[in-house]
Amino acid sequence: MTYVHADATVVVGPLATRAEPGALDLCRHHASRMTAPRGWELLRLDIGEEQPERSRDDLLAIADAVREAARPRREPQPPADLPSGPGRGHLRVITGSGE
């Protein structure tokens, strides 16, 4: 679903194949119940009953994304050139009677 403000039109159609600013994907139930604001036109594009055919590239991209998400994350290591431990940074502990 997207709004065309210049034409005062709401367009409800099939799910987007790529991210579009201002476009929303609606399930079939909500797409069928969608109404336009008062004074606007509602344009419904034929959604059809057929599922889009997946290509081999699509399936490989999905498999790669799943593998990447399942890969364990390494904890970031502090840079080796930065001092660590007490008294080695820009702050230091001052001991004494407080004079």
C-alpha atoms as a PDB file:
ATOM      1  CA  MET A   1       0.000   0.000   0.000  1.00  0.00           C
ATOM      2  CA  THR A   2       1.201   3.465  -0.765  1.00  0.00           C
ATOM      3  CA  TYR A   3      -0.241   6.957  -0.920  1.00  0.00           C
ATOM      4  CA  VAL A   4       0.056   9.214  -3.953  1.00  0.00           C
ATOM      5  CA  HIS A   5      -0.534  12.574  -2.301  1.00  0.00           C
ATOM      6  CA  ALA A   6      -0.407  14.576  -5.559  1.00  0.00           C
ATOM      7  CA  ASP A   7      -3.364  12.559  -6.924  1.00  0.00           C
ATOM      8  CA  ALA A   8      -5.143  11.992  -3.585  1.00  0.00           C
ATOM      9  CA  THR A   9      -4.994   8.256  -4.260  1.00  0.00           C
ATOM     10  CA  VAL A  10      -4.325   5.201  -2.100  1.00  0.00           C
ATOM     11  CA  VAL A  11      -2.882   2.272  -4.055  1.00  0.00           C
ATOM     12  CA  VAL A  12      -3.256  -1.245  -2.649  1.00  0.00           C
ATOM     13  CA  GLY A  13      -1.402  -3.936  -4.565  1.00  0.00           C
ATOM     14  CA  PRO A  14       0.886  -6.931  -4.237  1.00  0.00           C
ATOM     15  CA  LEU A  15       3.724  -7.087  -1.728  1.00  0.00           C
ATOM     16  CA  ALA A  16       6.736  -4.984  -2.605  1.00  0.00           C
ATOM     17  CA  THR A  17       9.744  -6.725  -4.098  1.00  0.00           C
ATOM     18  CA  ARG A  18      12.110  -4.117  -2.610  1.00  0.00           C
ATOM     19  CA  ALA A  19      11.989  -1.508   0.141  1.00  0.00           C
ATOM     20  CA  GLU A  20      10.239   1.693  -0.903  1.00  0.00           C
ATOM     21  CA  PRO A  21      10.007   4.761   1.338  1.00  0.00           C
ATOM     22  CA  GLY A  22       6.411   5.357   2.376  1.00  0.00           C
ATOM     23  CA  ALA A  23       5.167   1.951   1.180  1.00  0.00           C
ATOM     24  CA  LEU A  24       3.619  -0.556   3.581  1.00  0.00           C
ATOM     25  CA  ASP A  25       3.041  -4.281   3.119  1.00  0.00           C
ATOM     26  CA  LEU A  26      -0.402  -5.424   4.240  1.00  0.00           C
ATOM     27  CA  CYS A  27      -1.673  -8.957   4.777  1.00  0.00           C
ATOM     28  CA  ARG A  28      -4.563 -10.072   2.552  1.00  0.00           C
ATOM     29  CA  HIS A  29      -7.099  -9.526   5.371  1.00  0.00           C
ATOM     30  CA  HIS A  30      -6.083  -5.917   6.041  1.00  0.00           C
ATOM     31  CA  ALA A  31      -5.589  -5.107   2.349  1.00  0.00           C
ATOM     32  CA  SER A  32      -9.169  -6.179   1.633  1.00  0.00           C
ATOM     33  CA  ARG A  33     -10.523  -3.976   4.463  1.00  0.00           C
ATOM     34  CA  MET A  34      -8.465  -0.895   3.558  1.00  0.00           C
ATOM     35  CA  THR A  35     -10.419   2.295   2.916  1.00  0.00           C
ATOM     36  CA  ALA A  36      -9.217   5.639   1.566  1.00  0.00           C
ATOM     37  CA  PRO A  37      -9.489   8.902   3.484  1.00  0.00           C
ATOM     38  CA  ARG A  38     -12.526  11.027   2.715  1.00  0.00           C
ATOM     39  CA  GLY A  39     -12.103  12.736  -0.666  1.00  0.00           C
ATOM     40  CA  TRP A  40      -9.403  10.280  -1.821  1.00  0.00           C
ATOM     41  CA  GLU A  41      -9.614   7.526  -4.419  1.00  0.00           C
ATOM     42  CA  LEU A  42      -8.762   3.899  -3.599  1.00  0.00           C
ATOM     43  CA  LEU A  43      -7.074   1.974  -6.405  1.00  0.00           C
ATOM     44  CA  ARG A  44      -6.771  -1.804  -5.973  1.00  0.00           C
ATOM     45  CA  LEU A  45      -4.289  -3.601  -8.190  1.00  0.00           C
ATOM     46  CA  ASP A  46      -4.974  -7.268  -8.925  1.00  0.00           C
ATOM     47  CA  ILE A  47      -3.052  -9.239  -6.325  1.00  0.00           C
ATOM     48  CA  GLY A  48      -3.863 -12.640  -7.824  1.00  0.00           C
ATOM     49  CA  GLU A  49      -3.841 -15.982  -6.074  1.00  0.00           C
ATOM     50  CA  GLU A  50      -0.522 -17.243  -7.451  1.00  0.00           C
ATOM     51  CA  GLN A  51       2.574 -17.109  -5.304  1.00  0.00           C
ATOM     52  CA  PRO A  52       5.585 -15.570  -7.054  1.00  0.00           C
ATOM     53  CA  GLU A  53       8.022 -18.136  -8.367  1.00  0.00           C
ATOM     54  CA  ARG A  54      11.316 -18.185  -6.523  1.00  0.00           C
ATOM     55  CA  SER A  55      14.470 -18.280  -8.580  1.00  0.00           C
ATOM     56  CA  ARG A  56      17.593 -20.201  -7.592  1.00  0.00           C
ATOM     57  CA  ASP A  57      19.301 -16.861  -6.810  1.00  0.00           C
ATOM     58  CA  ASP A  58      16.467 -15.925  -4.420  1.00  0.00           C
ATOM     59  CA  LEU A  59      16.807 -19.204  -2.551  1.00  0.00           C
ATOM     60  CA  LEU A  60      20.591 -18.893  -2.330  1.00  0.00           C
ATOM     61  CA  ALA A  61      20.266 -15.327  -0.990  1.00  0.00           C
ATOM     62  CA  ILE A  62      17.829 -16.533   1.690  1.00  0.00           C
ATOM     63  CA  ALA A  63      20.165 -19.397   2.642  1.00  0.00           C
ATOM     64  CA  ASP A  64      23.125 -16.992   2.899  1.00  0.00           C
ATOM     65  CA  ALA A  65      21.110 -14.621   5.113  1.00  0.00           C
ATOM     66  CA  VAL A  66      20.118 -17.487   7.442  1.00  0.00           C
ATOM     67  CA  ARG A  67      23.738 -18.668   7.678  1.00  0.00           C
ATOM     68  CA  GLU A  68      24.926 -15.137   8.465  1.00  0.00           C
ATOM     69  CA  ALA A  69      22.273 -14.687  11.173  1.00  0.00           C
ATOM     70  CA  ALA A  70      23.222 -18.027  12.781  1.00  0.00           C
ATOM     71  CA  ARG A  71      26.962 -17.293  12.820  1.00  0.00           C
ATOM     72  CA  PRO A  72      28.185 -16.644  16.395  1.00  0.00           C
ATOM     73  CA  ARG A  73      29.182 -13.065  17.089  1.00  0.00           C
ATOM     74  CA  ARG A  74      32.686 -12.386  18.369  1.00  0.00           C
ATOM     75  CA  GLU A  75      33.090 -10.021  21.274  1.00  0.00           C
ATOM     76  CA  PRO A  76      34.842  -6.828  20.126  1.00  0.00           C
ATOM     77  CA  GLN A  77      38.416  -6.643  21.406  1.00  0.00           C
ATOM     78  CA  PRO A  78      39.808  -3.314  22.650  1.00  0.00           C
ATOM     79  CA  PRO A  79      42.545  -1.879  20.434  1.00  0.00           C
ATOM     80  CA  ALA A  80      45.986  -3.104  21.510  1.00  0.00           C
ATOM     81  CA  ASP A  81      47.552   0.377  21.609  1.00  0.00           C
ATOM     82  CA  LEU A  82      45.242   1.721  24.335  1.00  0.00           C
ATOM     83  CA  PRO A  83      46.435   1.398  27.942  1.00  0.00           C
ATOM     84  CA  SER A  84      44.238  -0.598  30.269  1.00  0.00           C
ATOM     85  CA  GLY A  85      44.103  -1.232  33.988  1.00  0.00           C
ATOM     86  CA  PRO A  86      44.135   1.131  36.964  1.00  0.00           C
ATOM     87  CA  GLY A  87      46.279   4.242  36.677  1.00  0.00           C
ATOM     88  CA  ARG A  88      47.159   3.763  32.995  1.00  0.00           C
ATOM     89  CA  GLY A  89      44.564   6.003  31.420  1.00  0.00           C
ATOM     90  CA  HIS A  90      44.078   9.744  31.631  1.00  0.00           C
ATOM     91  CA  LEU A  91      42.723   9.419  35.200  1.00  0.00           C
ATOM     92  CA  ARG A  92      44.842   8.587  38.203  1.00  0.00           C
ATOM     93  CA  VAL A  93      44.228   7.835  41.846  1.00  0.00           C
ATOM     94  CA  ILE A  94      45.649  10.331  44.326  1.00  0.00           C
ATOM     95  CA  THR A  95      46.283   8.961  47.774  1.00  0.00           C
ATOM     96  CA  GLY A  96      47.170  10.927  50.844  1.00  0.00           C
ATOM     97  CA  SER A  97      45.701  13.036  53.556  1.00  0.00           C
ATOM     98  CA  GLY A  98      43.785  15.250  51.108  1.00  0.00           C
ATOM     99  CA  GLU A  99      45.938  18.364  51.694  1.00  0.00           C
END
